[in-house]
Amino acid sequence: MTPVGPGRLRVTGAGDGAVEIVEYTDPACPWAWGSEPAFRRLRTLTAGRVRWRRVFGILFDEDDDPPPDPAAETAWYSRYVADIARHTRAPYAHRLRWVAATSRPASLAAKAAERQGATAAERVLRRLRETTFVLGTPADTAERVLSALAGLDGVDVGRLGAEMAEPVVAAAVRRDHAEARAPVPEARAFHGPGPHGTGVKETHDGVRYALPTLVFSGPGGRVAAPGWRSMAEYTAALRTVAPGHRWEAPLTGAGEALAEHRSLTGPDLSLLTGGAAPPPWAVRVETAGGPLWLHPDEAATHPALTAPELKTPRS
């Protein structure tokens, strides 16, 4: 067992020599939303040298029992998200209007978007996360998903809507669901300080990965990094599984970062650019947890700016 950062990230035997990162996540997970800045930076560090695969764990499923008091559940979950955001510094909505009934439609859309390439996949997942954590209106039906994605630059939303309903996409999401409930031993053995002290969560039918979790594998072995972790822990995991490699990349300018990602939070700016100032032409959206900065092309179709009933108040 090899210690990496404050958590004990267990390492086991080497694979085939390739370096891979598997990301276990969910569009509705607040910890995954707060982890996006680190994941974006990690993708920059590993671009072209690592296989990155995303697995959707389905945090809220269609067969979950409905809450006896939806208003009380929404109020409780809103406080829960705010508490997490204070830890991760991620934006959160001024008002959460409901708790997602299921994250399966958003996961189907995100999985279907992968067929249109990496850029489309990133933009779709980001917009779907923002329905919950910026707008407070989770995209938990196919209709809400497609409405949130309408006009999204670089994405054929009509094609995506058709492919969401294809059996092959549904089967891929079912495989993701099953894989997320078969954690590797390194995740089961993880123990570290809170808020993610363990690498797995109990479910009604067993256990699943704590979301998010990154599983690194390479010639040096395998490392599980569950929950919200620091960049230092992620780069230490990389050095463990791929000894001898240099994992460095220059910071980018704020304009370049926003042109690439289309949507930036304060933590995004800090990790990607080393600063806090967005480009002067960025479009600002206020949230209860600080601003979200949009590229003008993103702002042109973003529900926060195009749907009057969803506009957030200015501070």
C-alpha atoms as a PDB file:
ATOM      1  CA  MET A   1       0.000   0.000   0.000  1.00  0.00           C
ATOM      2  CA  THR A   2       1.428   3.356  -1.050  1.00  0.00           C
ATOM      3  CA  PRO A   3       0.432   6.595   0.685  1.00  0.00           C
ATOM      4  CA  VAL A   4      -0.459   9.381  -1.745  1.00  0.00           C
ATOM      5  CA  GLY A   5      -1.440  12.704  -0.192  1.00  0.00           C
ATOM      6  CA  PRO A   6      -3.654  12.727   2.890  1.00  0.00           C
ATOM      7  CA  GLY A   7      -5.586   9.604   1.850  1.00  0.00           C
ATOM      8  CA  ARG A   8      -4.064   6.139   1.592  1.00  0.00           C
ATOM      9  CA  LEU A   9      -4.381   5.261  -2.096  1.00  0.00           C
ATOM     10  CA  ARG A  10      -3.768   1.564  -2.517  1.00  0.00           C
ATOM     11  CA  VAL A  11      -1.504   0.447  -5.381  1.00  0.00           C
ATOM     12  CA  THR A  12      -1.469  -3.003  -6.988  1.00  0.00           C
ATOM     13  CA  GLY A  13       0.158  -4.775  -9.931  1.00  0.00           C
ATOM     14  CA  ALA A  14       1.049  -3.336 -13.304  1.00  0.00           C
ATOM     15  CA  GLY A  15      -1.125  -3.552 -16.402  1.00  0.00           C
ATOM     16  CA  ASP A  16      -0.221  -3.717 -20.104  1.00  0.00           C
ATOM     17  CA  GLY A  17       2.048  -0.668 -20.083  1.00  0.00           C
ATOM     18  CA  ALA A  18      -0.576   1.845 -21.204  1.00  0.00           C
ATOM     19  CA  VAL A  19      -1.726   4.548 -18.826  1.00  0.00           C
ATOM     20  CA  GLU A  20      -5.486   4.825 -18.289  1.00  0.00           C
ATOM     21  CA  ILE A  21      -7.757   6.937 -16.129  1.00  0.00           C
ATOM     22  CA  VAL A  22     -11.310   5.762 -15.535  1.00  0.00           C
ATOM     23  CA  GLU A  23     -13.647   8.448 -14.186  1.00  0.00           C
ATOM     24  CA  TYR A  24     -16.699   7.262 -12.241  1.00  0.00           C
ATOM     25  CA  THR A  25     -19.166  10.125 -12.124  1.00  0.00           C
ATOM     26  CA  ASP A  26     -22.739  11.335 -12.471  1.00  0.00           C
ATOM     27  CA  PRO A  27     -24.191  14.509 -14.033  1.00  0.00           C
ATOM     28  CA  ALA A  28     -26.111  15.284 -10.820  1.00  0.00           C
ATOM     29  CA  CYS A  29     -23.294  14.687  -8.306  1.00  0.00           C
ATOM     30  CA  PRO A  30     -22.287  17.868  -6.425  1.00  0.00           C
ATOM     31  CA  TRP A  31     -18.854  16.474  -5.553  1.00  0.00           C
ATOM     32  CA  ALA A  32     -18.241  15.695  -9.220  1.00  0.00           C
ATOM     33  CA  TRP A  33     -19.302  19.244 -10.127  1.00  0.00           C
ATOM     34  CA  GLY A  34     -16.812  20.598  -7.594  1.00  0.00           C
ATOM     35  CA  SER A  35     -14.090  18.311  -8.961  1.00  0.00           C
ATOM     36  CA  GLU A  36     -14.361  19.531 -12.555  1.00  0.00           C
ATOM     37  CA  PRO A  37     -11.595  22.162 -12.263  1.00  0.00           C
ATOM     38  CA  ALA A  38      -9.095  19.528 -11.116  1.00  0.00           C
ATOM     39  CA  PHE A  39     -10.265  17.079 -13.769  1.00  0.00           C
ATOM     40  CA  ARG A  40      -9.909  19.730 -16.473  1.00  0.00           C
ATOM     41  CA  ARG A  41      -6.378  20.458 -15.334  1.00  0.00           C
ATOM     42  CA  LEU A  42      -5.612  16.738 -15.175  1.00  0.00           C
ATOM     43  CA  ARG A  43      -6.852  16.236 -18.737  1.00  0.00           C
ATOM     44  CA  THR A  44      -4.512  19.032 -19.831  1.00  0.00           C
ATOM     45  CA  LEU A  45      -1.582  17.353 -18.076  1.00  0.00           C
ATOM     46  CA  THR A  46      -2.321  13.965 -19.654  1.00  0.00           C
ATOM     47  CA  ALA A  47      -3.548  14.999 -23.116  1.00  0.00           C
ATOM     48  CA  GLY A  48      -2.387  12.569 -25.785  1.00  0.00           C
ATOM     49  CA  ARG A  49      -0.618  10.282 -23.313  1.00  0.00           C
ATOM     50  CA  VAL A  50      -3.449   8.711 -21.321  1.00  0.00           C
ATOM     51  CA  ARG A  51      -6.658   6.890 -22.196  1.00  0.00           C
ATOM     52  CA  TRP A  52      -9.484   8.577 -20.294  1.00  0.00           C
ATOM     53  CA  ARG A  53     -12.775   6.695 -19.979  1.00  0.00           C
ATOM     54  CA  ARG A  54     -15.908   8.009 -18.285  1.00  0.00           C
ATOM     55  CA  VAL A  55     -18.386   5.726 -16.480  1.00  0.00           C
ATOM     56  CA  PHE A  56     -21.762   7.015 -15.323  1.00  0.00           C
ATOM     57  CA  GLY A  57     -22.740   5.674 -11.923  1.00  0.00           C
ATOM     58  CA  ILE A  58     -26.426   6.782 -11.900  1.00  0.00           C
ATOM     59  CA  LEU A  59     -26.638   8.580  -8.568  1.00  0.00           C
ATOM     60  CA  PHE A  60     -30.441   8.857  -8.771  1.00  0.00           C
ATOM     61  CA  ASP A  61     -32.225   6.019 -10.541  1.00  0.00           C
ATOM     62  CA  GLU A  62     -35.687   5.628 -12.020  1.00  0.00           C
ATOM     63  CA  ASP A  63     -36.743   2.931  -9.554  1.00  0.00           C
ATOM     64  CA  ASP A  64     -35.824   4.964  -6.455  1.00  0.00           C
ATOM     65  CA  ASP A  65     -38.758   5.543  -4.121  1.00  0.00           C
ATOM     66  CA  PRO A  66     -40.265   9.042  -4.457  1.00  0.00           C
ATOM     67  CA  PRO A  67     -39.839  11.261  -1.395  1.00  0.00           C
ATOM     68  CA  PRO A  68     -42.879  11.495   0.902  1.00  0.00           C
ATOM     69  CA  ASP A  69     -42.394  15.280   1.100  1.00  0.00           C
ATOM     70  CA  PRO A  70     -40.725  16.640  -2.073  1.00  0.00           C
ATOM     71  CA  ALA A  71     -40.542  20.197  -0.730  1.00  0.00           C
ATOM     72  CA  ALA A  72     -38.766  19.086   2.453  1.00  0.00           C
ATOM     73  CA  GLU A  73     -36.367  16.899   0.473  1.00  0.00           C
ATOM     74  CA  THR A  74     -35.578  19.785  -1.872  1.00  0.00           C
ATOM     75  CA  ALA A  75     -34.882  22.121   1.046  1.00  0.00           C
ATOM     76  CA  TRP A  76     -32.613  19.545   2.693  1.00  0.00           C
ATOM     77  CA  TYR A  77     -30.760  18.753  -0.512  1.00  0.00           C
ATOM     78  CA  SER A  78     -30.300  22.436  -1.277  1.00  0.00           C
ATOM     79  CA  ARG A  79     -28.529  22.867   2.070  1.00  0.00           C
ATOM     80  CA  TYR A  80     -26.462  19.751   1.364  1.00  0.00           C
ATOM     81  CA  VAL A  81     -25.305  21.125  -2.007  1.00  0.00           C
ATOM     82  CA  ALA A  82     -24.486  24.498  -0.420  1.00  0.00           C
ATOM     83  CA  ASP A  83     -22.389  22.798   2.265  1.00  0.00           C
ATOM     84  CA  ILE A  84     -20.438  20.892  -0.395  1.00  0.00           C
ATOM     85  CA  ALA A  85     -19.968  24.052  -2.450  1.00  0.00           C
ATOM     86  CA  ARG A  86     -18.473  25.843   0.521  1.00  0.00           C
ATOM     87  CA  HIS A  87     -15.885  23.060   0.615  1.00  0.00           C
ATOM     88  CA  THR A  88     -15.170  22.907  -3.145  1.00  0.00           C
ATOM     89  CA  ARG A  89     -15.796  26.619  -3.877  1.00  0.00           C
ATOM     90  CA  ALA A  90     -18.060  25.603  -6.757  1.00  0.00           C
ATOM     91  CA  PRO A  91     -21.035  27.745  -7.796  1.00  0.00           C
ATOM     92  CA  TYR A  92     -24.466  26.650  -6.656  1.00  0.00           C
ATOM     93  CA  ALA A  93     -27.957  27.796  -7.551  1.00  0.00           C
ATOM     94  CA  HIS A  94     -29.753  30.581  -5.726  1.00  0.00           C
ATOM     95  CA  ARG A  95     -32.738  28.263  -5.560  1.00  0.00           C
ATOM     96  CA  LEU A  96     -32.944  24.526  -6.154  1.00  0.00           C
ATOM     97  CA  ARG A  97     -36.439  23.970  -7.537  1.00  0.00           C
ATOM     98  CA  TRP A  98     -36.500  20.193  -7.244  1.00  0.00           C
ATOM     99  CA  VAL A  99     -34.216  17.225  -6.610  1.00  0.00           C
ATOM    100  CA  ALA A 100     -33.487  15.188  -9.721  1.00  0.00           C
ATOM    101  CA  ALA A 101     -35.932  12.306  -9.920  1.00  0.00           C
ATOM    102  CA  THR A 102     -33.313  10.368 -11.882  1.00  0.00           C
ATOM    103  CA  SER A 103     -29.938  11.061 -13.437  1.00  0.00           C
ATOM    104  CA  ARG A 104     -30.403   8.375 -16.085  1.00  0.00           C
ATOM    105  CA  PRO A 105     -31.689  10.678 -18.898  1.00  0.00           C
ATOM    106  CA  ALA A 106     -28.719  13.028 -18.430  1.00  0.00           C
ATOM    107  CA  SER A 107     -26.362  10.041 -18.383  1.00  0.00           C
ATOM    108  CA  LEU A 108     -27.911   8.721 -21.606  1.00  0.00           C
ATOM    109  CA  ALA A 109     -27.392  12.119 -23.226  1.00  0.00           C
ATOM    110  CA  ALA A 110     -23.801  12.361 -22.022  1.00  0.00           C
ATOM    111  CA  LYS A 111     -23.079   8.832 -23.261  1.00  0.00           C
ATOM    112  CA  ALA A 112     -24.704   9.559 -26.630  1.00  0.00           C
ATOM    113  CA  ALA A 113     -22.672  12.773 -26.922  1.00  0.00           C
ATOM    114  CA  GLU A 114     -19.455  10.734 -26.822  1.00  0.00           C
ATOM    115  CA  ARG A 115     -20.356   9.521 -30.315  1.00  0.00           C
ATOM    116  CA  GLN A 116     -19.899  13.092 -31.545  1.00  0.00           C
ATOM    117  CA  GLY A 117     -16.374  13.375 -30.165  1.00  0.00           C
ATOM    118  CA  ALA A 118     -14.590  14.576 -27.058  1.00  0.00           C
ATOM    119  CA  THR A 119     -15.529  18.252 -27.440  1.00  0.00           C
ATOM    120  CA  ALA A 120     -19.227  17.495 -27.759  1.00  0.00           C
ATOM    121  CA  ALA A 121     -19.068  15.082 -24.817  1.00  0.00           C
ATOM    122  CA  GLU A 122     -17.469  17.697 -22.552  1.00  0.00           C
ATOM    123  CA  ARG A 123     -19.884  20.459 -23.562  1.00  0.00           C
ATOM    124  CA  VAL A 124     -22.973  18.303 -23.095  1.00  0.00           C
ATOM    125  CA  LEU A 125     -21.961  17.029 -19.665  1.00  0.00           C
ATOM    126  CA  ARG A 126     -20.996  20.520 -18.504  1.00  0.00           C
ATOM    127  CA  ARG A 127     -24.306  22.041 -19.621  1.00  0.00           C
ATOM    128  CA  LEU A 128     -26.232  19.244 -17.925  1.00  0.00           C
ATOM    129  CA  ARG A 129     -24.338  19.738 -14.673  1.00  0.00           C
ATOM    130  CA  GLU A 130     -25.162  23.441 -14.845  1.00  0.00           C
ATOM    131  CA  THR A 131     -28.897  22.742 -14.979  1.00  0.00           C
ATOM    132  CA  THR A 132     -28.639  21.616 -11.354  1.00  0.00           C
ATOM    133  CA  PHE A 133     -25.780  23.645  -9.931  1.00  0.00           C
ATOM    134  CA  VAL A 134     -26.286  26.975 -11.721  1.00  0.00           C
ATOM    135  CA  LEU A 135     -29.961  27.011 -12.670  1.00  0.00           C
ATOM    136  CA  GLY A 136     -31.441  24.844  -9.909  1.00  0.00           C
ATOM    137  CA  THR A 137     -33.570  22.990 -12.483  1.00  0.00           C
ATOM    138  CA  PRO A 138     -32.090  19.490 -12.897  1.00  0.00           C
ATOM    139  CA  ALA A 139     -32.463  17.963 -16.368  1.00  0.00           C
ATOM    140  CA  ASP A 140     -34.054  14.736 -15.150  1.00  0.00           C
ATOM    141  CA  THR A 141     -36.260  13.885 -18.130  1.00  0.00           C
ATOM    142  CA  ALA A 142     -35.436  13.507 -21.804  1.00  0.00           C
ATOM    143  CA  GLU A 143     -37.466  16.627 -22.555  1.00  0.00           C
ATOM    144  CA  ARG A 144     -35.593  18.707 -19.972  1.00  0.00           C
ATOM    145  CA  VAL A 145     -32.266  17.370 -21.226  1.00  0.00           C
ATOM    146  CA  LEU A 146     -32.941  18.371 -24.824  1.00  0.00           C
ATOM    147  CA  SER A 147     -34.349  21.748 -23.785  1.00  0.00           C
ATOM    148  CA  ALA A 148     -31.199  22.499 -21.761  1.00  0.00           C
ATOM    149  CA  LEU A 149     -28.967  21.523 -24.691  1.00  0.00           C
ATOM    150  CA  ALA A 150     -30.875  23.431 -27.384  1.00  0.00           C
ATOM    151  CA  GLY A 151     -28.490  25.375 -29.595  1.00  0.00           C
ATOM    152  CA  LEU A 152     -25.360  24.143 -27.828  1.00  0.00           C
ATOM    153  CA  ASP A 153     -22.436  25.019 -30.088  1.00  0.00           C
ATOM    154  CA  GLY A 154     -20.552  22.055 -31.532  1.00  0.00           C
ATOM    155  CA  VAL A 155     -23.314  19.541 -30.739  1.00  0.00           C
ATOM    156  CA  ASP A 156     -25.925  18.069 -33.071  1.00  0.00           C
ATOM    157  CA  VAL A 157     -28.737  18.044 -30.531  1.00  0.00           C
ATOM    158  CA  GLY A 158     -31.225  16.445 -32.930  1.00  0.00           C
ATOM    159  CA  ARG A 159     -28.886  13.537 -33.521  1.00  0.00           C
ATOM    160  CA  LEU A 160     -28.171  13.294 -29.807  1.00  0.00           C
ATOM    161  CA  GLY A 161     -31.882  13.136 -28.983  1.00  0.00           C
ATOM    162  CA  ALA A 162     -32.383  10.295 -31.438  1.00  0.00           C
ATOM    163  CA  GLU A 163     -29.361   8.368 -30.198  1.00  0.00           C
ATOM    164  CA  MET A 164     -30.395   8.726 -26.536  1.00  0.00           C
ATOM    165  CA  ALA A 165     -33.247   6.355 -27.358  1.00  0.00           C
ATOM    166  CA  GLU A 166     -31.123   3.801 -29.197  1.00  0.00           C
ATOM    167  CA  PRO A 167     -30.738   0.386 -27.516  1.00  0.00           C
ATOM    168  CA  VAL A 168     -26.950   0.489 -27.881  1.00  0.00           C
ATOM    169  CA  VAL A 169     -26.730   3.698 -25.831  1.00  0.00           C
ATOM    170  CA  ALA A 170     -29.095   2.366 -23.185  1.00  0.00           C
ATOM    171  CA  ALA A 171     -27.003  -0.808 -22.998  1.00  0.00           C
ATOM    172  CA  ALA A 172     -23.814   1.235 -22.574  1.00  0.00           C
ATOM    173  CA  VAL A 173     -25.341   3.121 -19.645  1.00  0.00           C
ATOM    174  CA  ARG A 174     -26.504  -0.146 -18.073  1.00  0.00           C
ATOM    175  CA  ARG A 175     -22.937  -1.424 -18.323  1.00  0.00           C
ATOM    176  CA  ASP A 176     -21.730   1.780 -16.671  1.00  0.00           C
ATOM    177  CA  HIS A 177     -24.258   1.307 -13.874  1.00  0.00           C
ATOM    178  CA  ALA A 178     -23.018  -2.247 -13.293  1.00  0.00           C
ATOM    179  CA  GLU A 179     -19.326  -1.315 -13.480  1.00  0.00           C
ATOM    180  CA  ALA A 180     -19.811   1.486 -10.942  1.00  0.00           C
ATOM    181  CA  ARG A 181     -21.198  -1.145  -8.543  1.00  0.00           C
ATOM    182  CA  ALA A 182     -18.175  -3.411  -8.865  1.00  0.00           C
ATOM    183  CA  PRO A 183     -15.419  -1.298  -7.267  1.00  0.00           C
ATOM    184  CA  VAL A 184     -11.840  -2.443  -7.618  1.00  0.00           C
ATOM    185  CA  PRO A 185     -10.118  -3.593  -4.396  1.00  0.00           C
ATOM    186  CA  GLU A 186      -8.087  -0.377  -4.248  1.00  0.00           C
ATOM    187  CA  ALA A 187     -11.283   1.661  -3.884  1.00  0.00           C
ATOM    188  CA  ARG A 188     -12.717  -0.698  -1.288  1.00  0.00           C
ATOM    189  CA  ALA A 189      -9.487  -0.449   0.721  1.00  0.00           C
ATOM    190  CA  PHE A 190      -9.273   3.352   0.613  1.00  0.00           C
ATOM    191  CA  HIS A 191      -9.314   5.167   3.939  1.00  0.00           C
ATOM    192  CA  GLY A 192      -8.576   8.848   4.358  1.00  0.00           C
ATOM    193  CA  PRO A 193      -9.732  12.023   6.087  1.00  0.00           C
ATOM    194  CA  GLY A 194     -13.172  13.488   5.354  1.00  0.00           C
ATOM    195  CA  PRO A 195     -15.270  14.447   3.654  1.00  0.00           C
ATOM    196  CA  HIS A 196     -14.546  11.301   1.604  1.00  0.00           C
ATOM    197  CA  GLY A 197     -13.169   8.907   4.166  1.00  0.00           C
ATOM    198  CA  THR A 198     -14.005   5.743   2.265  1.00  0.00           C
ATOM    199  CA  GLY A 199     -13.852   4.748  -1.371  1.00  0.00           C
ATOM    200  CA  VAL A 200     -17.252   3.079  -1.675  1.00  0.00           C
ATOM    201  CA  LYS A 201     -20.835   3.881  -0.763  1.00  0.00           C
ATOM    202  CA  GLU A 202     -23.477   1.416   0.323  1.00  0.00           C
ATOM    203  CA  THR A 203     -26.532   1.028  -1.912  1.00  0.00           C
ATOM    204  CA  HIS A 204     -29.730  -0.975  -1.534  1.00  0.00           C
ATOM    205  CA  ASP A 205     -28.149  -3.822  -3.514  1.00  0.00           C
ATOM    206  CA  GLY A 206     -24.494  -3.640  -2.497  1.00  0.00           C
ATOM    207  CA  VAL A 207     -21.861  -0.949  -2.929  1.00  0.00           C
ATOM    208  CA  ARG A 208     -20.695   1.478  -5.610  1.00  0.00           C
ATOM    209  CA  TYR A 209     -17.769   3.811  -6.062  1.00  0.00           C
ATOM    210  CA  ALA A 210     -17.889   7.053  -4.121  1.00  0.00           C
ATOM    211  CA  LEU A 211     -18.579   9.711  -6.726  1.00  0.00           C
ATOM    212  CA  PRO A 212     -16.473  10.926  -8.267  1.00  0.00           C
ATOM    213  CA  THR A 213     -13.641   8.412  -8.295  1.00  0.00           C
ATOM    214  CA  LEU A 214     -10.639   8.280 -10.591  1.00  0.00           C
ATOM    215  CA  VAL A 215      -8.918   4.930 -11.061  1.00  0.00           C
ATOM    216  CA  PHE A 216      -5.394   5.300 -12.481  1.00  0.00           C
ATOM    217  CA  SER A 217      -3.611   2.331 -14.006  1.00  0.00           C
ATOM    218  CA  GLY A 218      -0.283   1.913 -15.764  1.00  0.00           C
ATOM    219  CA  PRO A 219       3.042   0.079 -15.678  1.00  0.00           C
ATOM    220  CA  GLY A 220       3.536   1.057 -12.024  1.00  0.00           C
ATOM    221  CA  GLY A 221       0.243  -0.452 -10.869  1.00  0.00           C
ATOM    222  CA  ARG A 222      -3.249   0.831 -10.081  1.00  0.00           C
ATOM    223  CA  VAL A 223      -4.388   3.643  -7.785  1.00  0.00           C
ATOM    224  CA  ALA A 224      -7.927   4.568  -6.750  1.00  0.00           C
ATOM    225  CA  ALA A 225      -8.562   8.218  -5.866  1.00  0.00           C
ATOM    226  CA  PRO A 226     -12.132   8.428  -4.535  1.00  0.00           C
ATOM    227  CA  GLY A 227     -14.111  11.570  -3.871  1.00  0.00           C
ATOM    228  CA  TRP A 228     -12.926  15.166  -3.896  1.00  0.00           C
ATOM    229  CA  ARG A 229      -9.115  15.127  -3.953  1.00  0.00           C
ATOM    230  CA  SER A 230      -6.396  17.704  -4.545  1.00  0.00           C
ATOM    231  CA  MET A 231      -4.335  18.147  -7.700  1.00  0.00           C
ATOM    232  CA  ALA A 232      -1.282  17.085  -5.677  1.00  0.00           C
ATOM    233  CA  GLU A 233      -2.933  13.724  -4.971  1.00  0.00           C
ATOM    234  CA  TYR A 234      -3.875  13.228  -8.613  1.00  0.00           C
ATOM    235  CA  THR A 235      -0.390  14.015  -9.893  1.00  0.00           C
ATOM    236  CA  ALA A 236       1.101  11.754  -7.211  1.00  0.00           C
ATOM    237  CA  ALA A 237      -1.160   8.958  -8.451  1.00  0.00           C
ATOM    238  CA  LEU A 238       0.055   9.559 -11.999  1.00  0.00           C
ATOM    239  CA  ARG A 239       3.676   9.391 -10.906  1.00  0.00           C
ATOM    240  CA  THR A 240       2.949   6.126  -9.105  1.00  0.00           C
ATOM    241  CA  VAL A 241       1.319   4.332 -12.041  1.00  0.00           C
ATOM    242  CA  ALA A 242       3.627   5.841 -14.672  1.00  0.00           C
ATOM    243  CA  PRO A 243       7.048   6.252 -13.037  1.00  0.00           C
ATOM    244  CA  GLY A 244       9.600   8.096 -15.087  1.00  0.00           C
ATOM    245  CA  HIS A 245       7.042  10.252 -16.910  1.00  0.00           C
ATOM    246  CA  ARG A 246       6.930  14.023 -16.514  1.00  0.00           C
ATOM    247  CA  TRP A 247       3.409  15.260 -15.884  1.00  0.00           C
ATOM    248  CA  GLU A 248       3.639  18.954 -16.559  1.00  0.00           C
ATOM    249  CA  ALA A 249       1.770  21.437 -18.745  1.00  0.00           C
ATOM    250  CA  PRO A 250       1.907  25.219 -18.895  1.00  0.00           C
ATOM    251  CA  LEU A 251      -0.972  27.272 -17.578  1.00  0.00           C
ATOM    252  CA  THR A 252      -3.175  28.857 -20.227  1.00  0.00           C
ATOM    253  CA  GLY A 253      -4.446  32.399 -20.584  1.00  0.00           C
ATOM    254  CA  ALA A 254      -7.957  33.168 -19.401  1.00  0.00           C
ATOM    255  CA  GLY A 255      -9.170  33.881 -22.930  1.00  0.00           C
ATOM    256  CA  GLU A 256      -7.740  30.628 -24.250  1.00  0.00           C
ATOM    257  CA  ALA A 257      -9.246  28.659 -21.364  1.00  0.00           C
ATOM    258  CA  LEU A 258     -12.700  30.144 -21.911  1.00  0.00           C
ATOM    259  CA  ALA A 259     -12.495  29.598 -25.665  1.00  0.00           C
ATOM    260  CA  GLU A 260     -11.712  25.928 -25.046  1.00  0.00           C
ATOM    261  CA  HIS A 261     -14.079  25.164 -22.193  1.00  0.00           C
ATOM    262  CA  ARG A 262     -16.845  27.744 -22.855  1.00  0.00           C
ATOM    263  CA  SER A 263     -17.759  27.884 -19.161  1.00  0.00           C
ATOM    264  CA  LEU A 264     -15.458  28.677 -16.231  1.00  0.00           C
ATOM    265  CA  THR A 265     -15.879  28.944 -12.471  1.00  0.00           C
ATOM    266  CA  GLY A 266     -13.516  30.692 -10.069  1.00  0.00           C
ATOM    267  CA  PRO A 267     -11.733  27.410  -9.252  1.00  0.00           C
ATOM    268  CA  ASP A 268     -11.474  26.686 -13.003  1.00  0.00           C
ATOM    269  CA  LEU A 269      -9.693  29.998 -13.533  1.00  0.00           C
ATOM    270  CA  SER A 270      -7.368  29.340 -10.612  1.00  0.00           C
ATOM    271  CA  LEU A 271      -6.306  25.846 -11.685  1.00  0.00           C
ATOM    272  CA  LEU A 272      -6.244  26.377 -15.446  1.00  0.00           C
ATOM    273  CA  THR A 273      -4.780  29.875 -15.630  1.00  0.00           C
ATOM    274  CA  GLY A 274      -3.170  30.496 -12.248  1.00  0.00           C
ATOM    275  CA  GLY A 275      -5.271  33.641 -11.827  1.00  0.00           C
ATOM    276  CA  ALA A 276      -8.730  34.825 -10.906  1.00  0.00           C
ATOM    277  CA  ALA A 277      -9.613  37.319 -13.645  1.00  0.00           C
ATOM    278  CA  PRO A 278     -11.735  36.209 -16.607  1.00  0.00           C
ATOM    279  CA  PRO A 279     -11.228  37.768 -20.037  1.00  0.00           C
ATOM    280  CA  PRO A 280     -12.982  41.149 -20.337  1.00  0.00           C
ATOM    281  CA  TRP A 281     -15.417  39.835 -22.932  1.00  0.00           C
ATOM    282  CA  ALA A 282     -16.680  36.958 -20.753  1.00  0.00           C
ATOM    283  CA  VAL A 283     -20.386  36.926 -19.883  1.00  0.00           C
ATOM    284  CA  ARG A 284     -21.025  36.789 -16.144  1.00  0.00           C
ATOM    285  CA  VAL A 285     -23.784  34.692 -14.583  1.00  0.00           C
ATOM    286  CA  GLU A 286     -24.359  35.125 -10.863  1.00  0.00           C
ATOM    287  CA  THR A 287     -24.907  32.166  -8.549  1.00  0.00           C
ATOM    288  CA  ALA A 288     -25.179  31.833  -4.787  1.00  0.00           C
ATOM    289  CA  GLY A 289     -21.613  30.500  -4.789  1.00  0.00           C
ATOM    290  CA  GLY A 290     -19.988  33.124  -6.973  1.00  0.00           C
ATOM    291  CA  PRO A 291     -19.961  33.868 -10.698  1.00  0.00           C
ATOM    292  CA  LEU A 292     -19.901  31.546 -13.661  1.00  0.00           C
ATOM    293  CA  TRP A 293     -18.176  32.973 -16.724  1.00  0.00           C
ATOM    294  CA  LEU A 294     -19.457  32.077 -20.194  1.00  0.00           C
ATOM    295  CA  HIS A 295     -17.968  32.440 -23.632  1.00  0.00           C
ATOM    296  CA  PRO A 296     -20.266  34.702 -25.694  1.00  0.00           C
ATOM    297  CA  ASP A 297     -21.117  31.802 -28.015  1.00  0.00           C
ATOM    298  CA  GLU A 298     -22.090  29.733 -24.970  1.00  0.00           C
ATOM    299  CA  ALA A 299     -24.069  32.592 -23.458  1.00  0.00           C
ATOM    300  CA  ALA A 300     -26.103  32.946 -26.660  1.00  0.00           C
ATOM    301  CA  THR A 301     -27.944  29.684 -25.953  1.00  0.00           C
ATOM    302  CA  HIS A 302     -27.420  29.186 -22.223  1.00  0.00           C
ATOM    303  CA  PRO A 303     -30.704  28.752 -20.296  1.00  0.00           C
ATOM    304  CA  ALA A 304     -29.468  31.067 -17.541  1.00  0.00           C
ATOM    305  CA  LEU A 305     -29.637  33.925 -20.030  1.00  0.00           C
ATOM    306  CA  THR A 306     -32.251  32.806 -22.545  1.00  0.00           C
ATOM    307  CA  ALA A 307     -35.058  31.518 -20.287  1.00  0.00           C
ATOM    308  CA  PRO A 308     -36.553  34.436 -18.297  1.00  0.00           C
ATOM    309  CA  GLU A 309     -38.004  32.195 -15.596  1.00  0.00           C
ATOM    310  CA  LEU A 310     -34.540  30.735 -14.948  1.00  0.00           C
ATOM    311  CA  LYS A 311     -32.504  33.914 -14.817  1.00  0.00           C
ATOM    312  CA  THR A 312     -30.617  34.223 -11.564  1.00  0.00           C
ATOM    313  CA  PRO A 313     -30.774  37.477  -9.601  1.00  0.00           C
ATOM    314  CA  ARG A 314     -27.837  39.848  -9.735  1.00  0.00           C
ATOM    315  CA  SER A 315     -25.955  40.535  -6.524  1.00  0.00           C
END
